[in-house]
Amino acid sequence: MQTLAVTESVTTIVEAEQKFGLSRSELKDFFTEWYDELPEMNSSDRASLEVLWRRYIYHRSGGHLLESTVMLLLVSPLLTITGLYDPPFLLKAEESVLIKISDSEETLQGRIDVLVLRDRFWIIVLESKKTMLSVWSALPQTLAYLMASPNGGGTHPAGNRPTFAMLTNGDDIVFVKLEGKQYGMSQVLSPLVNQGELEVAWQVLRKIAEIEV
């Protein structure tokens, strides 16, 4: 699977759509997994998320989180609390991908770290130095990863089963769904704003996990 080469050649949403024949679905019922019938949270999980949230806020208040600290402080604990490190989920890591975004003033540089759960659920962590890159910066590469997965683009022999991804730079979290040649996105969840946003992210992760089992 030439995932690294694919992601290096796709740097904008337009390129991803043209390269893979994708289109963004605007239908409300295309991506219901991020808001409809979300799992209930018990008191133990809520308490664990509160500890996670307060710890993240404490470190984030000191400035932008550099290198792998987003993974250590937010992503890994969140996956632990949601049970995605436990059977039947298996974890594998892809090679990090360098990302450069040019704006009117400077070229921002960071990298994308990727975890894959059961080949159909991708965790995309965007890390940067000095300036926090927008979570949307990783969307083109995320679509490339989803298309490069064994089930990407609806090629799975069992049918047109969807694949999912979670993008985060620590401050923001966005979920992506790819089904066939269409993709959709959740609204932006912002754990930096309040604990409730992190709780919704937990619920969406659990919802997708139930689908993937």
N, C-alpha and C. Protein backbone atom coordinates (compact mmCIF):
# COMPACT_ATOMS: atom_id res chain seq x y z
N MET A 1 0.85 -1.19 0.00
CA MET A 1 0.00 0.00 0.00
C MET A 1 0.89 1.24 0.00
N GLN A 2 0.85 2.02 -1.08
CA GLN A 2 1.72 3.18 -1.23
C GLN A 2 1.08 4.42 -0.60
N THR A 3 0.73 4.34 0.67
CA THR A 3 0.03 5.44 1.32
C THR A 3 0.88 6.70 1.35
N LEU A 4 2.15 6.56 1.71
CA LEU A 4 3.03 7.73 1.84
C LEU A 4 3.14 8.47 0.52
N ALA A 5 3.35 7.74 -0.55
CA ALA A 5 3.48 8.37 -1.87
C ALA A 5 2.18 9.07 -2.25
N VAL A 6 1.05 8.44 -1.94
CA VAL A 6 -0.24 9.03 -2.27
C VAL A 6 -0.44 10.34 -1.54
N THR A 7 -0.15 10.35 -0.24
CA THR A 7 -0.40 11.56 0.54
C THR A 7 0.55 12.68 0.16
N GLU A 8 1.76 12.35 -0.28
CA GLU A 8 2.70 13.38 -0.69
C GLU A 8 2.26 14.06 -1.99
N SER A 9 1.48 13.34 -2.81
CA SER A 9 1.06 13.89 -4.09
C SER A 9 -0.29 14.59 -4.00
N VAL A 10 -0.92 14.56 -2.84
CA VAL A 10 -2.22 15.19 -2.65
C VAL A 10 -2.09 16.23 -1.55
N THR A 11 -2.16 17.50 -1.93
CA THR A 11 -1.93 18.57 -0.95
C THR A 11 -3.12 19.51 -0.79
N THR A 12 -4.12 19.40 -1.66
CA THR A 12 -5.31 20.24 -1.53
C THR A 12 -6.56 19.37 -1.66
N ILE A 13 -7.69 19.91 -1.19
CA ILE A 13 -8.94 19.17 -1.29
C ILE A 13 -9.32 18.96 -2.76
N VAL A 14 -9.08 19.97 -3.59
CA VAL A 14 -9.38 19.85 -5.02
C VAL A 14 -8.58 18.71 -5.64
N GLU A 15 -7.30 18.62 -5.29
CA GLU A 15 -6.46 17.53 -5.82
C GLU A 15 -6.99 16.18 -5.38
N ALA A 16 -7.40 16.08 -4.12
CA ALA A 16 -7.94 14.80 -3.62
C ALA A 16 -9.22 14.44 -4.36
N GLU A 17 -10.10 15.41 -4.56
CA GLU A 17 -11.36 15.14 -5.25
C GLU A 17 -11.11 14.73 -6.70
N GLN A 18 -10.19 15.41 -7.37
CA GLN A 18 -9.92 15.10 -8.77
C GLN A 18 -9.18 13.79 -8.93
N LYS A 19 -8.22 13.53 -8.06
CA LYS A 19 -7.40 12.31 -8.17
C LYS A 19 -8.23 11.06 -7.94
N PHE A 20 -9.17 11.13 -6.98
CA PHE A 20 -9.93 9.95 -6.60
C PHE A 20 -11.39 10.00 -7.05
N GLY A 21 -11.77 11.06 -7.75
CA GLY A 21 -13.16 11.17 -8.20
C GLY A 21 -14.13 11.37 -7.06
N LEU A 22 -13.71 12.09 -6.03
CA LEU A 22 -14.53 12.26 -4.83
C LEU A 22 -15.39 13.51 -4.92
N SER A 23 -16.47 13.50 -4.16
CA SER A 23 -17.29 14.69 -3.99
C SER A 23 -17.79 14.73 -2.56
N ARG A 24 -17.97 15.93 -2.06
CA ARG A 24 -18.42 16.11 -0.68
C ARG A 24 -19.94 16.08 -0.63
N SER A 25 -20.47 15.21 0.24
CA SER A 25 -21.92 15.11 0.39
C SER A 25 -22.41 16.21 1.32
N GLU A 26 -23.47 16.89 0.90
CA GLU A 26 -24.09 17.93 1.72
C GLU A 26 -25.38 17.42 2.37
N LEU A 27 -25.69 16.15 2.17
CA LEU A 27 -26.92 15.58 2.73
C LEU A 27 -26.78 15.39 4.24
N LYS A 28 -27.78 15.81 4.98
CA LYS A 28 -27.74 15.73 6.44
C LYS A 28 -27.66 14.29 6.93
N ASP A 29 -28.29 13.36 6.18
CA ASP A 29 -28.33 11.98 6.63
C ASP A 29 -27.17 11.14 6.09
N PHE A 30 -26.16 11.77 5.46
CA PHE A 30 -25.01 11.01 4.97
C PHE A 30 -24.10 10.58 6.11
N PHE A 31 -23.88 11.47 7.06
CA PHE A 31 -22.94 11.19 8.16
C PHE A 31 -23.67 11.37 9.49
N THR A 32 -24.59 10.45 9.77
CA THR A 32 -25.37 10.53 11.02
C THR A 32 -24.60 9.97 12.21
N GLU A 33 -23.51 9.25 11.92
CA GLU A 33 -22.78 8.59 13.01
C GLU A 33 -22.18 9.57 14.01
N TRP A 34 -22.02 10.82 13.64
CA TRP A 34 -21.36 11.76 14.55
C TRP A 34 -22.35 12.52 15.45
N TYR A 35 -23.66 12.33 15.20
CA TYR A 35 -24.62 13.07 16.04
C TYR A 35 -25.88 12.30 16.43
N ASP A 36 -26.19 11.19 15.77
CA ASP A 36 -27.46 10.50 16.01
C ASP A 36 -27.28 9.28 16.90
N GLU A 37 -28.12 9.17 17.94
CA GLU A 37 -28.13 8.01 18.84
C GLU A 37 -26.73 7.69 19.36
N LEU A 38 -26.08 8.69 19.92
CA LEU A 38 -24.74 8.49 20.47
C LEU A 38 -24.81 7.73 21.79
N PRO A 39 -23.79 6.94 22.09
CA PRO A 39 -23.80 6.13 23.32
C PRO A 39 -23.83 7.00 24.58
N GLU A 40 -24.45 6.46 25.62
CA GLU A 40 -24.46 7.15 26.92
C GLU A 40 -23.09 6.97 27.59
N MET A 41 -22.72 7.94 28.39
CA MET A 41 -21.45 7.91 29.11
C MET A 41 -21.70 7.62 30.58
N ASN A 42 -20.95 6.67 31.15
CA ASN A 42 -21.12 6.39 32.58
C ASN A 42 -20.26 7.34 33.42
N SER A 43 -20.47 7.29 34.73
CA SER A 43 -19.79 8.24 35.62
C SER A 43 -18.28 8.03 35.64
N SER A 44 -17.83 6.79 35.46
CA SER A 44 -16.40 6.50 35.46
C SER A 44 -15.72 7.12 34.24
N ASP A 45 -16.34 6.95 33.07
CA ASP A 45 -15.78 7.54 31.85
C ASP A 45 -15.79 9.05 31.92
N ARG A 46 -16.87 9.62 32.47
CA ARG A 46 -16.95 11.08 32.57
C ARG A 46 -15.86 11.63 33.50
N ALA A 47 -15.61 10.91 34.59
CA ALA A 47 -14.56 11.33 35.53
C ALA A 47 -13.19 11.25 34.87
N SER A 48 -12.95 10.19 34.10
CA SER A 48 -11.67 10.04 33.41
C SER A 48 -11.47 11.13 32.38
N LEU A 49 -12.54 11.49 31.66
CA LEU A 49 -12.45 12.56 30.67
C LEU A 49 -12.21 13.92 31.33
N GLU A 50 -12.76 14.11 32.51
CA GLU A 50 -12.53 15.38 33.21
C GLU A 50 -11.05 15.53 33.58
N VAL A 51 -10.44 14.43 34.06
CA VAL A 51 -9.01 14.45 34.37
C VAL A 51 -8.21 14.73 33.11
N LEU A 52 -8.56 14.05 32.01
CA LEU A 52 -7.88 14.25 30.73
C LEU A 52 -8.01 15.70 30.28
N TRP A 53 -9.21 16.25 30.35
CA TRP A 53 -9.45 17.61 29.89
C TRP A 53 -8.66 18.64 30.71
N ARG A 54 -8.70 18.49 32.04
CA ARG A 54 -7.99 19.44 32.90
C ARG A 54 -6.47 19.35 32.69
N ARG A 55 -5.97 18.16 32.46
CA ARG A 55 -4.54 18.00 32.21
C ARG A 55 -4.15 18.65 30.88
N TYR A 56 -4.98 18.47 29.86
CA TYR A 56 -4.70 19.07 28.57
C TYR A 56 -4.73 20.60 28.66
N ILE A 57 -5.76 21.14 29.32
CA ILE A 57 -5.87 22.58 29.48
C ILE A 57 -4.67 23.15 30.23
N TYR A 58 -4.23 22.43 31.24
CA TYR A 58 -3.09 22.88 32.05
C TYR A 58 -1.84 23.04 31.17
N HIS A 59 -1.54 22.02 30.37
CA HIS A 59 -0.34 22.08 29.52
C HIS A 59 -0.54 23.02 28.34
N ARG A 60 -1.74 23.05 27.78
CA ARG A 60 -2.00 23.90 26.62
C ARG A 60 -1.93 25.37 26.99
N SER A 61 -2.25 25.70 28.25
CA SER A 61 -2.23 27.09 28.68
C SER A 61 -0.82 27.68 28.66
N GLY A 62 0.19 26.82 28.63
CA GLY A 62 1.57 27.28 28.59
C GLY A 62 2.05 27.62 27.20
N GLY A 63 1.20 27.41 26.19
CA GLY A 63 1.60 27.70 24.81
C GLY A 63 1.22 26.55 23.90
N HIS A 64 1.59 26.68 22.61
CA HIS A 64 1.30 25.61 21.65
C HIS A 64 2.03 24.34 22.06
N LEU A 65 1.36 23.21 21.90
CA LEU A 65 1.97 21.92 22.21
C LEU A 65 2.78 21.45 21.01
N LEU A 66 4.02 21.11 21.24
CA LEU A 66 4.93 20.77 20.16
C LEU A 66 5.12 19.26 20.03
N GLU A 67 5.58 18.89 18.82
CA GLU A 67 5.94 17.51 18.52
C GLU A 67 4.84 16.52 18.91
N SER A 68 5.17 15.48 19.71
CA SER A 68 4.22 14.41 19.98
C SER A 68 3.39 14.62 21.23
N THR A 69 3.40 15.82 21.79
CA THR A 69 2.67 16.03 23.04
C THR A 69 1.16 15.95 22.86
N VAL A 70 0.65 16.30 21.69
CA VAL A 70 -0.79 16.16 21.43
C VAL A 70 -1.18 14.69 21.52
N MET A 71 -0.34 13.83 20.95
CA MET A 71 -0.62 12.39 21.02
C MET A 71 -0.58 11.89 22.46
N LEU A 72 0.42 12.36 23.21
CA LEU A 72 0.60 11.89 24.59
C LEU A 72 -0.49 12.40 25.52
N LEU A 73 -0.84 13.67 25.37
CA LEU A 73 -1.76 14.31 26.32
C LEU A 73 -3.23 14.11 25.99
N LEU A 74 -3.55 13.99 24.70
CA LEU A 74 -4.96 13.96 24.31
C LEU A 74 -5.38 12.68 23.60
N VAL A 75 -4.71 12.38 22.49
CA VAL A 75 -5.19 11.30 21.64
C VAL A 75 -5.08 9.93 22.30
N SER A 76 -3.90 9.60 22.80
CA SER A 76 -3.72 8.28 23.39
C SER A 76 -4.62 8.05 24.61
N PRO A 77 -4.71 9.01 25.56
CA PRO A 77 -5.64 8.81 26.68
C PRO A 77 -7.10 8.69 26.23
N LEU A 78 -7.49 9.46 25.21
CA LEU A 78 -8.86 9.39 24.71
C LEU A 78 -9.17 8.02 24.12
N LEU A 79 -8.23 7.48 23.35
CA LEU A 79 -8.42 6.14 22.79
C LEU A 79 -8.46 5.08 23.89
N THR A 80 -7.70 5.30 24.96
CA THR A 80 -7.71 4.38 26.09
C THR A 80 -9.08 4.37 26.76
N ILE A 81 -9.61 5.56 27.02
CA ILE A 81 -10.90 5.67 27.71
C ILE A 81 -12.03 5.11 26.87
N THR A 82 -11.94 5.25 25.55
CA THR A 82 -12.99 4.73 24.68
C THR A 82 -12.84 3.24 24.40
N GLY A 83 -11.74 2.64 24.85
CA GLY A 83 -11.55 1.20 24.68
C GLY A 83 -11.02 0.79 23.33
N LEU A 84 -10.50 1.75 22.56
CA LEU A 84 -10.04 1.43 21.21
C LEU A 84 -8.63 0.85 21.17
N TYR A 85 -8.00 0.72 22.32
CA TYR A 85 -6.72 0.00 22.40
C TYR A 85 -6.93 -1.47 22.76
N ASP A 86 -8.16 -1.86 23.01
CA ASP A 86 -8.47 -3.20 23.50
C ASP A 86 -9.10 -4.05 22.40
N PRO A 87 -9.12 -5.41 22.58
CA PRO A 87 -9.76 -6.28 21.60
C PRO A 87 -11.21 -5.84 21.37
N PRO A 88 -11.69 -5.95 20.12
CA PRO A 88 -11.07 -6.59 18.95
C PRO A 88 -10.23 -5.63 18.10
N PHE A 89 -9.94 -4.44 18.59
CA PHE A 89 -9.20 -3.47 17.79
C PHE A 89 -7.71 -3.77 17.80
N LEU A 90 -7.12 -3.67 16.62
CA LEU A 90 -5.67 -3.81 16.48
C LEU A 90 -5.12 -2.50 15.94
N LEU A 91 -4.00 -2.09 16.47
CA LEU A 91 -3.41 -0.80 16.14
C LEU A 91 -2.17 -0.97 15.29
N LYS A 92 -2.03 -0.13 14.29
CA LYS A 92 -0.79 -0.05 13.54
C LYS A 92 -0.50 1.41 13.23
N ALA A 93 0.75 1.73 13.03
CA ALA A 93 1.16 3.11 12.78
C ALA A 93 1.71 3.23 11.37
N GLU A 94 1.31 4.29 10.68
CA GLU A 94 1.85 4.62 9.37
C GLU A 94 3.04 5.57 9.55
N GLU A 95 3.84 5.70 8.51
CA GLU A 95 4.95 6.65 8.56
C GLU A 95 4.41 8.08 8.63
N SER A 96 5.11 8.92 9.39
CA SER A 96 4.73 10.32 9.46
C SER A 96 4.89 10.99 8.10
N VAL A 97 4.01 11.93 7.81
CA VAL A 97 4.05 12.65 6.54
C VAL A 97 4.31 14.12 6.82
N LEU A 98 5.27 14.70 6.12
CA LEU A 98 5.56 16.12 6.24
C LEU A 98 4.48 16.92 5.52
N ILE A 99 4.05 18.02 6.14
CA ILE A 99 3.02 18.85 5.52
C ILE A 99 3.47 20.30 5.53
N LYS A 100 3.30 20.97 4.39
CA LYS A 100 3.65 22.39 4.28
C LYS A 100 2.46 23.15 3.72
N ILE A 101 2.10 24.22 4.40
CA ILE A 101 0.98 25.05 3.98
C ILE A 101 1.48 26.47 3.79
N SER A 102 1.32 27.03 2.60
CA SER A 102 1.77 28.39 2.32
C SER A 102 0.60 29.35 2.45
N ASP A 103 0.82 30.45 3.17
CA ASP A 103 -0.16 31.52 3.21
C ASP A 103 0.51 32.80 2.73
N SER A 104 -0.15 33.92 2.95
CA SER A 104 0.36 35.18 2.42
C SER A 104 1.64 35.64 3.11
N GLU A 105 1.94 35.11 4.28
CA GLU A 105 3.06 35.61 5.05
C GLU A 105 4.23 34.63 5.12
N GLU A 106 3.93 33.36 5.27
CA GLU A 106 5.00 32.39 5.47
C GLU A 106 4.53 30.99 5.11
N THR A 107 5.47 30.07 5.05
CA THR A 107 5.14 28.66 4.84
C THR A 107 5.15 27.97 6.19
N LEU A 108 4.01 27.41 6.56
CA LEU A 108 3.89 26.71 7.83
C LEU A 108 4.22 25.24 7.61
N GLN A 109 4.97 24.67 8.53
CA GLN A 109 5.41 23.29 8.36
C GLN A 109 5.06 22.47 9.59
N GLY A 110 4.61 21.28 9.36
CA GLY A 110 4.32 20.36 10.45
C GLY A 110 4.40 18.94 9.95
N ARG A 111 3.78 18.02 10.65
CA ARG A 111 3.76 16.64 10.19
C ARG A 111 2.45 15.99 10.62
N ILE A 112 2.12 14.93 9.95
CA ILE A 112 0.91 14.18 10.25
C ILE A 112 1.33 12.80 10.76
N ASP A 113 0.91 12.49 11.96
CA ASP A 113 1.11 11.15 12.51
C ASP A 113 -0.20 10.38 12.39
N VAL A 114 -0.12 9.11 12.03
CA VAL A 114 -1.31 8.34 11.71
C VAL A 114 -1.34 7.02 12.47
N LEU A 115 -2.49 6.75 13.08
CA LEU A 115 -2.76 5.45 13.67
C LEU A 115 -3.94 4.83 12.93
N VAL A 116 -3.91 3.53 12.72
CA VAL A 116 -4.98 2.85 12.01
C VAL A 116 -5.56 1.75 12.90
N LEU A 117 -6.89 1.75 13.04
CA LEU A 117 -7.56 0.75 13.84
C LEU A 117 -8.41 -0.13 12.93
N ARG A 118 -8.07 -1.41 12.85
CA ARG A 118 -8.83 -2.39 12.06
C ARG A 118 -8.95 -2.00 10.59
N ASP A 119 -7.98 -1.28 10.07
CA ASP A 119 -7.90 -0.91 8.66
C ASP A 119 -9.01 0.04 8.18
N ARG A 120 -9.97 0.36 9.04
CA ARG A 120 -11.09 1.17 8.57
C ARG A 120 -11.35 2.40 9.42
N PHE A 121 -10.55 2.61 10.45
CA PHE A 121 -10.73 3.79 11.29
C PHE A 121 -9.36 4.43 11.49
N TRP A 122 -9.17 5.61 10.93
CA TRP A 122 -7.87 6.27 10.91
C TRP A 122 -7.86 7.43 11.89
N ILE A 123 -6.81 7.52 12.69
CA ILE A 123 -6.62 8.62 13.62
C ILE A 123 -5.50 9.49 13.08
N ILE A 124 -5.81 10.72 12.71
CA ILE A 124 -4.86 11.63 12.08
C ILE A 124 -4.50 12.73 13.07
N VAL A 125 -3.25 12.81 13.46
CA VAL A 125 -2.80 13.82 14.42
C VAL A 125 -1.88 14.79 13.72
N LEU A 126 -2.28 16.05 13.68
CA LEU A 126 -1.52 17.10 13.01
C LEU A 126 -0.68 17.83 14.04
N GLU A 127 0.63 17.80 13.86
CA GLU A 127 1.55 18.43 14.80
C GLU A 127 2.36 19.51 14.08
N SER A 128 2.59 20.63 14.76
CA SER A 128 3.35 21.71 14.14
C SER A 128 4.17 22.46 15.17
N LYS A 129 5.18 23.16 14.68
CA LYS A 129 6.02 23.99 15.54
C LYS A 129 5.67 25.46 15.32
N LYS A 130 5.80 26.24 16.35
CA LYS A 130 5.61 27.69 16.34
C LYS A 130 4.16 28.08 16.10
N THR A 131 3.58 27.64 15.01
CA THR A 131 2.21 28.02 14.68
C THR A 131 1.34 26.79 14.59
N MET A 132 0.18 26.85 15.23
CA MET A 132 -0.73 25.72 15.18
C MET A 132 -1.45 25.67 13.84
N LEU A 133 -1.21 24.64 13.06
CA LEU A 133 -1.87 24.49 11.77
C LEU A 133 -3.33 24.12 11.98
N SER A 134 -4.19 24.61 11.11
CA SER A 134 -5.60 24.28 11.16
C SER A 134 -5.80 22.79 10.92
N VAL A 135 -6.78 22.22 11.60
CA VAL A 135 -7.06 20.80 11.41
C VAL A 135 -7.47 20.51 9.97
N TRP A 136 -8.03 21.51 9.28
CA TRP A 136 -8.44 21.32 7.89
C TRP A 136 -7.24 21.11 6.97
N SER A 137 -6.06 21.51 7.42
CA SER A 137 -4.86 21.35 6.60
C SER A 137 -4.58 19.89 6.29
N ALA A 138 -5.04 18.99 7.15
CA ALA A 138 -4.77 17.57 6.98
C ALA A 138 -5.88 16.84 6.23
N LEU A 139 -6.94 17.54 5.84
CA LEU A 139 -8.06 16.86 5.17
C LEU A 139 -7.67 16.21 3.84
N PRO A 140 -6.91 16.88 2.96
CA PRO A 140 -6.55 16.21 1.70
C PRO A 140 -5.78 14.91 1.92
N GLN A 141 -4.81 14.92 2.84
CA GLN A 141 -4.05 13.71 3.12
C GLN A 141 -4.93 12.64 3.77
N THR A 142 -5.88 13.08 4.60
CA THR A 142 -6.79 12.13 5.24
C THR A 142 -7.63 11.41 4.20
N LEU A 143 -8.14 12.13 3.22
CA LEU A 143 -8.91 11.49 2.15
C LEU A 143 -8.05 10.50 1.38
N ALA A 144 -6.78 10.85 1.19
CA ALA A 144 -5.87 9.94 0.50
C ALA A 144 -5.65 8.68 1.32
N TYR A 145 -5.48 8.83 2.64
CA TYR A 145 -5.34 7.65 3.50
C TYR A 145 -6.57 6.76 3.41
N LEU A 146 -7.76 7.36 3.49
CA LEU A 146 -8.99 6.58 3.45
C LEU A 146 -9.13 5.84 2.12
N MET A 147 -8.74 6.49 1.03
CA MET A 147 -8.82 5.84 -0.27
C MET A 147 -7.78 4.74 -0.41
N ALA A 148 -6.65 4.87 0.28
CA ALA A 148 -5.58 3.89 0.19
C ALA A 148 -5.82 2.69 1.09
N SER A 149 -6.81 2.78 1.98
CA SER A 149 -7.09 1.66 2.88
C SER A 149 -7.70 0.51 2.10
N PRO A 150 -7.68 -0.71 2.65
CA PRO A 150 -8.20 -1.87 1.92
C PRO A 150 -9.65 -1.71 1.49
N ASN A 151 -10.42 -0.92 2.22
CA ASN A 151 -11.84 -0.75 1.89
C ASN A 151 -12.12 0.59 1.23
N GLY A 152 -11.08 1.37 0.96
CA GLY A 152 -11.27 2.73 0.44
C GLY A 152 -11.97 2.75 -0.90
N GLY A 153 -12.87 3.71 -1.07
CA GLY A 153 -13.54 3.90 -2.35
C GLY A 153 -14.58 2.84 -2.66
N GLY A 154 -15.00 2.11 -1.63
CA GLY A 154 -16.05 1.13 -1.85
C GLY A 154 -15.58 -0.11 -2.57
N THR A 155 -14.31 -0.47 -2.46
CA THR A 155 -13.78 -1.64 -3.17
C THR A 155 -13.83 -2.91 -2.34
N HIS A 156 -14.32 -2.83 -1.10
CA HIS A 156 -14.38 -4.01 -0.25
C HIS A 156 -15.32 -5.03 -0.85
N PRO A 157 -14.90 -6.32 -0.92
CA PRO A 157 -15.75 -7.34 -1.55
C PRO A 157 -17.07 -7.53 -0.84
N ALA A 158 -17.15 -7.15 0.47
CA ALA A 158 -18.40 -7.32 1.20
C ALA A 158 -19.39 -6.21 0.87
N GLY A 159 -18.95 -5.22 0.11
CA GLY A 159 -19.86 -4.14 -0.25
C GLY A 159 -19.26 -2.78 0.04
N ASN A 160 -20.10 -1.80 -0.08
CA ASN A 160 -19.67 -0.42 0.02
C ASN A 160 -19.67 0.03 1.48
N ARG A 161 -18.79 -0.52 2.28
CA ARG A 161 -18.74 -0.19 3.70
C ARG A 161 -17.95 1.10 3.90
N PRO A 162 -18.42 1.95 4.81
CA PRO A 162 -17.74 3.24 5.01
C PRO A 162 -16.45 3.09 5.80
N THR A 163 -15.55 4.05 5.62
CA THR A 163 -14.37 4.18 6.45
C THR A 163 -14.43 5.53 7.15
N PHE A 164 -13.75 5.63 8.29
CA PHE A 164 -13.84 6.83 9.10
C PHE A 164 -12.45 7.30 9.51
N ALA A 165 -12.37 8.58 9.85
CA ALA A 165 -11.13 9.14 10.36
C ALA A 165 -11.46 10.21 11.40
N MET A 166 -10.56 10.39 12.34
CA MET A 166 -10.62 11.49 13.28
C MET A 166 -9.39 12.34 13.10
N LEU A 167 -9.58 13.62 12.78
CA LEU A 167 -8.48 14.56 12.63
C LEU A 167 -8.41 15.44 13.86
N THR A 168 -7.22 15.67 14.36
CA THR A 168 -7.09 16.59 15.48
C THR A 168 -5.72 17.25 15.50
N ASN A 169 -5.70 18.50 15.94
CA ASN A 169 -4.45 19.19 16.23
C ASN A 169 -4.35 19.46 17.73
N GLY A 170 -5.24 18.83 18.49
CA GLY A 170 -5.30 19.03 19.92
C GLY A 170 -6.41 19.97 20.30
N ASP A 171 -6.42 21.16 19.72
CA ASP A 171 -7.46 22.15 20.03
C ASP A 171 -8.79 21.79 19.38
N ASP A 172 -8.75 21.26 18.17
CA ASP A 172 -9.96 20.93 17.41
C ASP A 172 -9.97 19.46 17.02
N ILE A 173 -11.17 18.92 16.90
CA ILE A 173 -11.36 17.54 16.46
C ILE A 173 -12.45 17.54 15.38
N VAL A 174 -12.18 16.87 14.26
CA VAL A 174 -13.15 16.72 13.18
C VAL A 174 -13.19 15.26 12.76
N PHE A 175 -14.38 14.74 12.56
CA PHE A 175 -14.54 13.36 12.09
C PHE A 175 -14.90 13.38 10.61
N VAL A 176 -14.37 12.40 9.87
CA VAL A 176 -14.60 12.30 8.42
C VAL A 176 -15.13 10.92 8.10
N LYS A 177 -16.08 10.87 7.20
CA LYS A 177 -16.63 9.60 6.72
C LYS A 177 -16.47 9.53 5.21
N LEU A 178 -15.98 8.39 4.72
CA LEU A 178 -15.88 8.14 3.28
C LEU A 178 -16.71 6.91 2.95
N GLU A 179 -17.62 7.06 2.01
CA GLU A 179 -18.43 5.92 1.56
C GLU A 179 -18.57 6.00 0.05
N GLY A 180 -18.06 4.98 -0.62
CA GLY A 180 -18.03 5.05 -2.07
C GLY A 180 -17.13 6.18 -2.51
N LYS A 181 -17.66 7.08 -3.29
CA LYS A 181 -16.89 8.22 -3.77
C LYS A 181 -17.34 9.53 -3.11
N GLN A 182 -18.05 9.41 -2.01
CA GLN A 182 -18.51 10.58 -1.31
C GLN A 182 -17.93 10.64 0.10
N TYR A 183 -17.68 11.85 0.56
CA TYR A 183 -17.20 12.02 1.92
C TYR A 183 -17.99 13.13 2.61
N GLY A 184 -17.99 13.07 3.92
CA GLY A 184 -18.67 14.07 4.72
C GLY A 184 -17.89 14.32 5.99
N MET A 185 -18.17 15.43 6.64
CA MET A 185 -17.43 15.81 7.85
C MET A 185 -18.39 16.22 8.95
N SER A 186 -17.95 16.03 10.18
CA SER A 186 -18.71 16.49 11.33
C SER A 186 -18.46 17.98 11.52
N GLN A 187 -19.18 18.57 12.46
CA GLN A 187 -18.83 19.93 12.86
C GLN A 187 -17.53 19.87 13.66
N VAL A 188 -16.89 21.00 13.82
CA VAL A 188 -15.63 21.05 14.57
C VAL A 188 -15.94 20.98 16.06
N LEU A 189 -15.32 20.01 16.73
CA LEU A 189 -15.41 19.92 18.19
C LEU A 189 -14.15 20.54 18.78
N SER A 190 -14.31 21.36 19.80
CA SER A 190 -13.18 22.11 20.34
C SER A 190 -13.00 21.83 21.83
N PRO A 191 -12.20 20.80 22.18
CA PRO A 191 -11.95 20.49 23.59
C PRO A 191 -11.36 21.66 24.37
N LEU A 192 -10.66 22.54 23.67
CA LEU A 192 -10.06 23.69 24.34
C LEU A 192 -11.13 24.63 24.89
N VAL A 193 -12.33 24.59 24.32
CA VAL A 193 -13.42 25.48 24.74
C VAL A 193 -14.07 24.99 26.04
N ASN A 194 -14.48 23.73 26.04
CA ASN A 194 -15.09 23.18 27.26
C ASN A 194 -15.05 21.66 27.24
N GLN A 195 -15.27 21.07 28.41
CA GLN A 195 -15.18 19.63 28.57
C GLN A 195 -16.26 18.90 27.77
N GLY A 196 -17.41 19.57 27.59
CA GLY A 196 -18.50 18.95 26.86
C GLY A 196 -18.13 18.57 25.45
N GLU A 197 -17.27 19.35 24.80
CA GLU A 197 -16.83 19.05 23.44
C GLU A 197 -16.02 17.75 23.40
N LEU A 198 -15.22 17.53 24.45
CA LEU A 198 -14.44 16.30 24.54
C LEU A 198 -15.34 15.10 24.79
N GLU A 199 -16.40 15.31 25.55
CA GLU A 199 -17.35 14.23 25.81
C GLU A 199 -18.06 13.81 24.53
N VAL A 200 -18.40 14.78 23.68
CA VAL A 200 -19.02 14.45 22.40
C VAL A 200 -18.06 13.64 21.53
N ALA A 201 -16.77 14.03 21.53
CA ALA A 201 -15.76 13.28 20.78
C ALA A 201 -15.70 11.84 21.26
N TRP A 202 -15.76 11.64 22.58
CA TRP A 202 -15.79 10.28 23.15
C TRP A 202 -16.99 9.51 22.62
N GLN A 203 -18.15 10.16 22.60
CA GLN A 203 -19.37 9.49 22.14
C GLN A 203 -19.27 9.09 20.67
N VAL A 204 -18.72 9.98 19.84
CA VAL A 204 -18.58 9.67 18.42
C VAL A 204 -17.61 8.52 18.22
N LEU A 205 -16.50 8.53 18.95
CA LEU A 205 -15.53 7.43 18.86
C LEU A 205 -16.19 6.10 19.23
N ARG A 206 -16.98 6.09 20.30
CA ARG A 206 -17.65 4.87 20.72
C ARG A 206 -18.68 4.43 19.67
N LYS A 207 -19.38 5.39 19.09
CA LYS A 207 -20.36 5.07 18.07
C LYS A 207 -19.70 4.41 16.87
N ILE A 208 -18.61 4.99 16.40
CA ILE A 208 -17.88 4.42 15.26
C ILE A 208 -17.31 3.06 15.63
N ALA A 209 -16.82 2.93 16.87
CA ALA A 209 -16.28 1.65 17.32
C ALA A 209 -17.34 0.55 17.27
N GLU A 210 -18.57 0.88 17.64
CA GLU A 210 -19.65 -0.10 17.60
C GLU A 210 -19.94 -0.54 16.17
N ILE A 211 -19.82 0.39 15.24
CA ILE A 211 -20.03 0.06 13.83
C ILE A 211 -18.92 -0.86 13.31
N GLU A 212 -17.69 -0.58 13.77
CA GLU A 212 -16.53 -1.28 13.24
C GLU A 212 -16.38 -2.70 13.79
N VAL A 213 -16.99 -2.99 14.94
CA VAL A 213 -16.81 -4.32 15.54
C VAL A 213 -17.52 -5.37 14.72
